[in-house]
Amino acid sequence: MTLISLLILLIIVCAVFWAANAIMGAFGVGDPIRTIVLVVIVLFILVALLNMIGGFGSLGSLRIK
């Protein structure tokens, strides 16, 4: 994992969080659904980060191609 790839992941994470909050705010999504969506986004981000640093080496690759 290079520093550039980590920086790109950080930029993508910030853009996804901003977009999710903006879209849910525009459509008036309630708090329970907003919380579920944000938790799912965080889980996907954790999987992507673990995949970048090799945390899933023994479980196989979870890369999306």
PDB file of N, CA and C in Angstrom:
ATOM      1  N   MET A   1       0.854  -1.171   0.000  1.00  0.00           N
ATOM      2  CA  MET A   1       0.000   0.000   0.000  1.00  0.00           C
ATOM      3  C   MET A   1       0.898   1.231   0.000  1.00  0.00           C
ATOM      4  N   THR A   2       0.696   2.069  -0.988  1.00  0.00           N
ATOM      5  CA  THR A   2       1.492   3.279  -1.080  1.00  0.00           C
ATOM      6  C   THR A   2       0.747   4.445  -0.448  1.00  0.00           C
ATOM      7  N   LEU A   3       1.474   5.496  -0.242  1.00  0.00           N
ATOM      8  CA  LEU A   3       0.882   6.695   0.336  1.00  0.00           C
ATOM      9  C   LEU A   3      -0.125   7.320  -0.624  1.00  0.00           C
ATOM     10  N   ILE A   4       0.144   7.230  -1.918  1.00  0.00           N
ATOM     11  CA  ILE A   4      -0.777   7.777  -2.916  1.00  0.00           C
ATOM     12  C   ILE A   4      -2.107   7.022  -2.894  1.00  0.00           C
ATOM     13  N   SER A   5      -2.058   5.696  -2.811  1.00  0.00           N
ATOM     14  CA  SER A   5      -3.302   4.925  -2.784  1.00  0.00           C
ATOM     15  C   SER A   5      -4.096   5.216  -1.513  1.00  0.00           C
ATOM     16  N   LEU A   6      -3.405   5.427  -0.407  1.00  0.00           N
ATOM     17  CA  LEU A   6      -4.091   5.790   0.832  1.00  0.00           C
ATOM     18  C   LEU A   6      -4.746   7.161   0.717  1.00  0.00           C
ATOM     19  N   LEU A   7      -4.073   8.096   0.076  1.00  0.00           N
ATOM     20  CA  LEU A   7      -4.627   9.428  -0.134  1.00  0.00           C
ATOM     21  C   LEU A   7      -5.842   9.375  -1.054  1.00  0.00           C
ATOM     22  N   ILE A   8      -5.769   8.574  -2.099  1.00  0.00           N
ATOM     23  CA  ILE A   8      -6.906   8.419  -3.005  1.00  0.00           C
ATOM     24  C   ILE A   8      -8.090   7.798  -2.274  1.00  0.00           C
ATOM     25  N   LEU A   9      -7.843   6.794  -1.448  1.00  0.00           N
ATOM     26  CA  LEU A   9      -8.919   6.188  -0.660  1.00  0.00           C
ATOM     27  C   LEU A   9      -9.544   7.212   0.284  1.00  0.00           C
ATOM     28  N   LEU A  10      -8.743   8.053   0.910  1.00  0.00           N
ATOM     29  CA  LEU A  10      -9.261   9.074   1.812  1.00  0.00           C
ATOM     30  C   LEU A  10     -10.143  10.065   1.059  1.00  0.00           C
ATOM     31  N   ILE A  11      -9.728  10.470  -0.131  1.00  0.00           N
ATOM     32  CA  ILE A  11     -10.526  11.393  -0.928  1.00  0.00           C
ATOM     33  C   ILE A  11     -11.850  10.756  -1.334  1.00  0.00           C
ATOM     34  N   ILE A  12     -11.808   9.505  -1.730  1.00  0.00           N
ATOM     35  CA  ILE A  12     -13.037   8.803  -2.121  1.00  0.00           C
ATOM     36  C   ILE A  12     -13.974   8.644  -0.928  1.00  0.00           C
ATOM     37  N   VAL A  13     -13.418   8.307   0.230  1.00  0.00           N
ATOM     38  CA  VAL A  13     -14.231   8.150   1.446  1.00  0.00           C
ATOM     39  C   VAL A  13     -14.922   9.465   1.795  1.00  0.00           C
ATOM     40  N   CYS A  14     -14.189  10.558   1.747  1.00  0.00           N
ATOM     41  CA  CYS A  14     -14.789  11.858   2.056  1.00  0.00           C
ATOM     42  C   CYS A  14     -15.877  12.217   1.058  1.00  0.00           C
ATOM     43  N   ALA A  15     -15.649  11.941  -0.226  1.00  0.00           N
ATOM     44  CA  ALA A  15     -16.651  12.242  -1.246  1.00  0.00           C
ATOM     45  C   ALA A  15     -17.912  11.398  -1.063  1.00  0.00           C
ATOM     46  N   VAL A  16     -17.738  10.131  -0.719  1.00  0.00           N
ATOM     47  CA  VAL A  16     -18.895   9.250  -0.516  1.00  0.00           C
ATOM     48  C   VAL A  16     -19.696   9.688   0.706  1.00  0.00           C
ATOM     49  N   PHE A  17     -19.002  10.031   1.803  1.00  0.00           N
ATOM     50  CA  PHE A  17     -19.714  10.499   2.994  1.00  0.00           C
ATOM     51  C   PHE A  17     -20.461  11.790   2.711  1.00  0.00           C
ATOM     52  N   TRP A  18     -19.806  12.724   2.022  1.00  0.00           N
ATOM     53  CA  TRP A  18     -20.456  13.991   1.705  1.00  0.00           C
ATOM     54  C   TRP A  18     -21.677  13.756   0.823  1.00  0.00           C
ATOM     55  N   ALA A  19     -21.524  12.938  -0.216  1.00  0.00           N
ATOM     56  CA  ALA A  19     -22.631  12.688  -1.133  1.00  0.00           C
ATOM     57  C   ALA A  19     -23.792  11.987  -0.430  1.00  0.00           C
ATOM     58  N   ALA A  20     -23.481  11.019   0.409  1.00  0.00           N
ATOM     59  CA  ALA A  20     -24.546  10.297   1.123  1.00  0.00           C
ATOM     60  C   ALA A  20     -25.315  11.242   2.041  1.00  0.00           C
ATOM     61  N   ASN A  21     -24.605  12.070   2.782  1.00  0.00           N
ATOM     62  CA  ASN A  21     -25.285  13.018   3.670  1.00  0.00           C
ATOM     63  C   ASN A  21     -26.085  14.046   2.885  1.00  0.00           C
ATOM     64  N   ALA A  22     -25.550  14.525   1.772  1.00  0.00           N
ATOM     65  CA  ALA A  22     -26.257  15.518   0.977  1.00  0.00           C
ATOM     66  C   ALA A  22     -27.528  14.938   0.359  1.00  0.00           C
ATOM     67  N   ILE A  23     -27.434  13.743  -0.178  1.00  0.00           N
ATOM     68  CA  ILE A  23     -28.603  13.123  -0.807  1.00  0.00           C
ATOM     69  C   ILE A  23     -29.665  12.781   0.228  1.00  0.00           C
ATOM     70  N   MET A  24     -29.233  12.235   1.360  1.00  0.00           N
ATOM     71  CA  MET A  24     -30.225  11.891   2.396  1.00  0.00           C
ATOM     72  C   MET A  24     -30.851  13.150   2.985  1.00  0.00           C
ATOM     73  N   GLY A  25     -30.089  14.234   3.092  1.00  0.00           N
ATOM     74  CA  GLY A  25     -30.648  15.485   3.577  1.00  0.00           C
ATOM     75  C   GLY A  25     -31.628  16.101   2.587  1.00  0.00           C
ATOM     76  N   ALA A  26     -31.326  15.968   1.292  1.00  0.00           N
ATOM     77  CA  ALA A  26     -32.196  16.544   0.267  1.00  0.00           C
ATOM     78  C   ALA A  26     -33.535  15.829   0.195  1.00  0.00           C
ATOM     79  N   PHE A  27     -33.536  14.539   0.423  1.00  0.00           N
ATOM     80  CA  PHE A  27     -34.776  13.770   0.346  1.00  0.00           C
ATOM     81  C   PHE A  27     -35.452  13.591   1.701  1.00  0.00           C
ATOM     82  N   GLY A  28     -34.888  14.126   2.751  1.00  0.00           N
ATOM     83  CA  GLY A  28     -35.513  14.064   4.067  1.00  0.00           C
ATOM     84  C   GLY A  28     -35.552  12.675   4.667  1.00  0.00           C
ATOM     85  N   VAL A  29     -34.484  11.928   4.499  1.00  0.00           N
ATOM     86  CA  VAL A  29     -34.407  10.573   5.049  1.00  0.00           C
ATOM     87  C   VAL A  29     -34.287  10.674   6.564  1.00  0.00           C
ATOM     88  N   GLY A  30     -35.041   9.843   7.276  1.00  0.00           N
ATOM     89  CA  GLY A  30     -35.044   9.876   8.734  1.00  0.00           C
ATOM     90  C   GLY A  30     -33.773   9.315   9.352  1.00  0.00           C
ATOM     91  N   ASP A  31     -33.617   9.551  10.639  1.00  0.00           N
ATOM     92  CA  ASP A  31     -32.396   9.155  11.347  1.00  0.00           C
ATOM     93  C   ASP A  31     -32.129   7.650  11.373  1.00  0.00           C
ATOM     94  N   PRO A  32     -33.114   6.786  11.579  1.00  0.00           N
ATOM     95  CA  PRO A  32     -32.767   5.352  11.601  1.00  0.00           C
ATOM     96  C   PRO A  32     -32.198   4.862  10.264  1.00  0.00           C
ATOM     97  N   ILE A  33     -32.789   5.300   9.168  1.00  0.00           N
ATOM     98  CA  ILE A  33     -32.299   4.873   7.861  1.00  0.00           C
ATOM     99  C   ILE A  33     -30.951   5.510   7.565  1.00  0.00           C
ATOM    100  N   ARG A  34     -30.789   6.759   7.948  1.00  0.00           N
ATOM    101  CA  ARG A  34     -29.512   7.457   7.742  1.00  0.00           C
ATOM    102  C   ARG A  34     -28.393   6.739   8.490  1.00  0.00           C
ATOM    103  N   THR A  35     -28.665   6.291   9.704  1.00  0.00           N
ATOM    104  CA  THR A  35     -27.665   5.578  10.497  1.00  0.00           C
ATOM    105  C   THR A  35     -27.292   4.251   9.843  1.00  0.00           C
ATOM    106  N   ILE A  36     -28.275   3.530   9.350  1.00  0.00           N
ATOM    107  CA  ILE A  36     -28.008   2.245   8.697  1.00  0.00           C
ATOM    108  C   ILE A  36     -27.156   2.447   7.453  1.00  0.00           C
ATOM    109  N   VAL A  37     -27.488   3.453   6.651  1.00  0.00           N
ATOM    110  CA  VAL A  37     -26.720   3.726   5.434  1.00  0.00           C
ATOM    111  C   VAL A  37     -25.281   4.086   5.770  1.00  0.00           C
ATOM    112  N   LEU A  38     -25.080   4.919   6.767  1.00  0.00           N
ATOM    113  CA  LEU A  38     -23.720   5.312   7.145  1.00  0.00           C
ATOM    114  C   LEU A  38     -22.928   4.138   7.716  1.00  0.00           C
ATOM    115  N   VAL A  39     -23.572   3.256   8.452  1.00  0.00           N
ATOM    116  CA  VAL A  39     -22.884   2.073   8.972  1.00  0.00           C
ATOM    117  C   VAL A  39     -22.473   1.148   7.831  1.00  0.00           C
ATOM    118  N   VAL A  40     -23.340   0.981   6.838  1.00  0.00           N
ATOM    119  CA  VAL A  40     -22.991   0.148   5.684  1.00  0.00           C
ATOM    120  C   VAL A  40     -21.818   0.755   4.919  1.00  0.00           C
ATOM    121  N   ILE A  41     -21.821   2.066   4.761  1.00  0.00           N
ATOM    122  CA  ILE A  41     -20.704   2.742   4.089  1.00  0.00           C
ATOM    123  C   ILE A  41     -19.409   2.535   4.865  1.00  0.00           C
ATOM    124  N   VAL A  42     -19.459   2.661   6.175  1.00  0.00           N
ATOM    125  CA  VAL A  42     -18.263   2.457   6.997  1.00  0.00           C
ATOM    126  C   VAL A  42     -17.759   1.022   6.880  1.00  0.00           C
ATOM    127  N   LEU A  43     -18.666   0.047   6.851  1.00  0.00           N
ATOM    128  CA  LEU A  43     -18.245  -1.348   6.705  1.00  0.00           C
ATOM    129  C   LEU A  43     -17.553  -1.582   5.363  1.00  0.00           C
ATOM    130  N   PHE A  44     -18.104  -1.007   4.285  1.00  0.00           N
ATOM    131  CA  PHE A  44     -17.458  -1.135   2.987  1.00  0.00           C
ATOM    132  C   PHE A  44     -16.078  -0.481   2.990  1.00  0.00           C
ATOM    133  N   ILE A  45     -15.950   0.641   3.666  1.00  0.00           N
ATOM    134  CA  ILE A  45     -14.665   1.336   3.741  1.00  0.00           C
ATOM    135  C   ILE A  45     -13.658   0.500   4.526  1.00  0.00           C
ATOM    136  N   LEU A  46     -14.094  -0.104   5.619  1.00  0.00           N
ATOM    137  CA  LEU A  46     -13.192  -0.957   6.394  1.00  0.00           C
ATOM    138  C   LEU A  46     -12.732  -2.168   5.597  1.00  0.00           C
ATOM    139  N   VAL A  47     -13.645  -2.769   4.827  1.00  0.00           N
ATOM    140  CA  VAL A  47     -13.261  -3.897   3.985  1.00  0.00           C
ATOM    141  C   VAL A  47     -12.259  -3.454   2.927  1.00  0.00           C
ATOM    142  N   ALA A  48     -12.491  -2.299   2.327  1.00  0.00           N
ATOM    143  CA  ALA A  48     -11.561  -1.789   1.311  1.00  0.00           C
ATOM    144  C   ALA A  48     -10.194  -1.505   1.920  1.00  0.00           C
ATOM    145  N   LEU A  49     -10.172  -0.911   3.108  1.00  0.00           N
ATOM    146  CA  LEU A  49      -8.899  -0.607   3.765  1.00  0.00           C
ATOM    147  C   LEU A  49      -8.160  -1.874   4.165  1.00  0.00           C
ATOM    148  N   LEU A  50      -8.875  -2.834   4.715  1.00  0.00           N
ATOM    149  CA  LEU A  50      -8.237  -4.099   5.073  1.00  0.00           C
ATOM    150  C   LEU A  50      -7.733  -4.837   3.847  1.00  0.00           C
ATOM    151  N   ASN A  51      -8.462  -4.713   2.755  1.00  0.00           N
ATOM    152  CA  ASN A  51      -8.035  -5.353   1.523  1.00  0.00           C
ATOM    153  C   ASN A  51      -6.769  -4.684   0.978  1.00  0.00           C
ATOM    154  N   MET A  52      -6.670  -3.375   1.154  1.00  0.00           N
ATOM    155  CA  MET A  52      -5.488  -2.646   0.676  1.00  0.00           C
ATOM    156  C   MET A  52      -4.241  -3.019   1.466  1.00  0.00           C
ATOM    157  N   ILE A  53      -4.396  -3.232   2.768  1.00  0.00           N
ATOM    158  CA  ILE A  53      -3.220  -3.541   3.589  1.00  0.00           C
ATOM    159  C   ILE A  53      -2.979  -5.034   3.713  1.00  0.00           C
ATOM    160  N   GLY A  54      -3.830  -5.841   3.090  1.00  0.00           N
ATOM    161  CA  GLY A  54      -3.615  -7.284   3.082  1.00  0.00           C
ATOM    162  C   GLY A  54      -4.202  -8.003   4.267  1.00  0.00           C
ATOM    163  N   GLY A  55      -5.223  -7.475   4.875  1.00  0.00           N
ATOM    164  CA  GLY A  55      -5.842  -8.091   6.036  1.00  0.00           C
ATOM    165  C   GLY A  55      -6.641  -9.335   5.733  1.00  0.00           C
ATOM    166  N   PHE A  56      -6.999  -9.529   4.467  1.00  0.00           N
ATOM    167  CA  PHE A  56      -7.784 -10.694   4.088  1.00  0.00           C
ATOM    168  C   PHE A  56      -6.928 -11.730   3.374  1.00  0.00           C
ATOM    169  N   GLY A  57      -5.660 -11.778   3.672  1.00  0.00           N
ATOM    170  CA  GLY A  57      -4.763 -12.697   2.994  1.00  0.00           C
ATOM    171  C   GLY A  57      -5.134 -14.148   3.185  1.00  0.00           C
ATOM    172  N   SER A  58      -5.535 -14.544   4.395  1.00  0.00           N
ATOM    173  CA  SER A  58      -5.861 -15.937   4.634  1.00  0.00           C
ATOM    174  C   SER A  58      -7.281 -16.284   4.196  1.00  0.00           C
ATOM    175  N   LEU A  59      -8.133 -15.281   4.007  1.00  0.00           N
ATOM    176  CA  LEU A  59      -9.515 -15.530   3.618  1.00  0.00           C
ATOM    177  C   LEU A  59      -9.717 -15.428   2.115  1.00  0.00           C
ATOM    178  N   GLY A  60      -8.696 -15.111   1.386  1.00  0.00           N
ATOM    179  CA  GLY A  60      -8.832 -14.923  -0.064  1.00  0.00           C
ATOM    180  C   GLY A  60      -9.040 -13.459  -0.384  1.00  0.00           C
ATOM    181  N   SER A  61      -9.084 -13.160  -1.621  1.00  0.00           N
ATOM    182  CA  SER A  61      -9.193 -11.778  -2.061  1.00  0.00           C
ATOM    183  C   SER A  61     -10.655 -11.356  -2.145  1.00  0.00           C
ATOM    184  N   LEU A  62     -10.937 -10.161  -1.694  1.00  0.00           N
ATOM    185  CA  LEU A  62     -12.281  -9.594  -1.804  1.00  0.00           C
ATOM    186  C   LEU A  62     -12.303  -8.433  -2.783  1.00  0.00           C
ATOM    187  N   ARG A  63     -11.353  -8.378  -3.691  1.00  0.00           N
ATOM    188  CA  ARG A  63     -11.278  -7.274  -4.647  1.00  0.00           C
ATOM    189  C   ARG A  63     -12.443  -7.344  -5.636  1.00  0.00           C
ATOM    190  N   ILE A  64     -12.974  -6.186  -5.933  1.00  0.00           N
ATOM    191  CA  ILE A  64     -14.056  -6.076  -6.907  1.00  0.00           C
ATOM    192  C   ILE A  64     -13.416  -5.677  -8.229  1.00  0.00           C
ATOM    193  N   LYS A  65     -13.638  -6.483  -9.244  1.00  0.00           N
ATOM    194  CA  LYS A  65     -13.031  -6.187 -10.550  1.00  0.00           C
ATOM    195  C   LYS A  65     -14.092  -5.991 -11.583  1.00  0.00           C
TER     196      LYS A  65
END
